[in-house]
């Protein structure tokens, strides 16, 4: 989105055919976003041309944004949803992932 005009410059569809629930995080020209898909991939997207540079499955859905500090992004794998049963059966995650983006 253009900060001055509020014009949407580009958009992208979640490749896992899920949805994005949390905010996006921007660092060093990259946009980071997590998916609510059952294995919760996170994506690093070039902020200029919407190209996905890499993705990583963290083992559970991603509902929140990521933190940035000292050239790294941090994301936890909070909750996992049982999609097959169509009921909300959550199990908390126990992992924290860090990726250097410098």
Foldseek 3Di string as FASTA:
>chain_A
DDPPPPDDPDDDQDPVNFDFAEDWDDDPQWIWTWGQPQQIKIFTARNPPRHTPDIDRNGGHFNYYWDDDPQKIKGFRAWGADVVVVDGDIDGGDDMDIDGHD
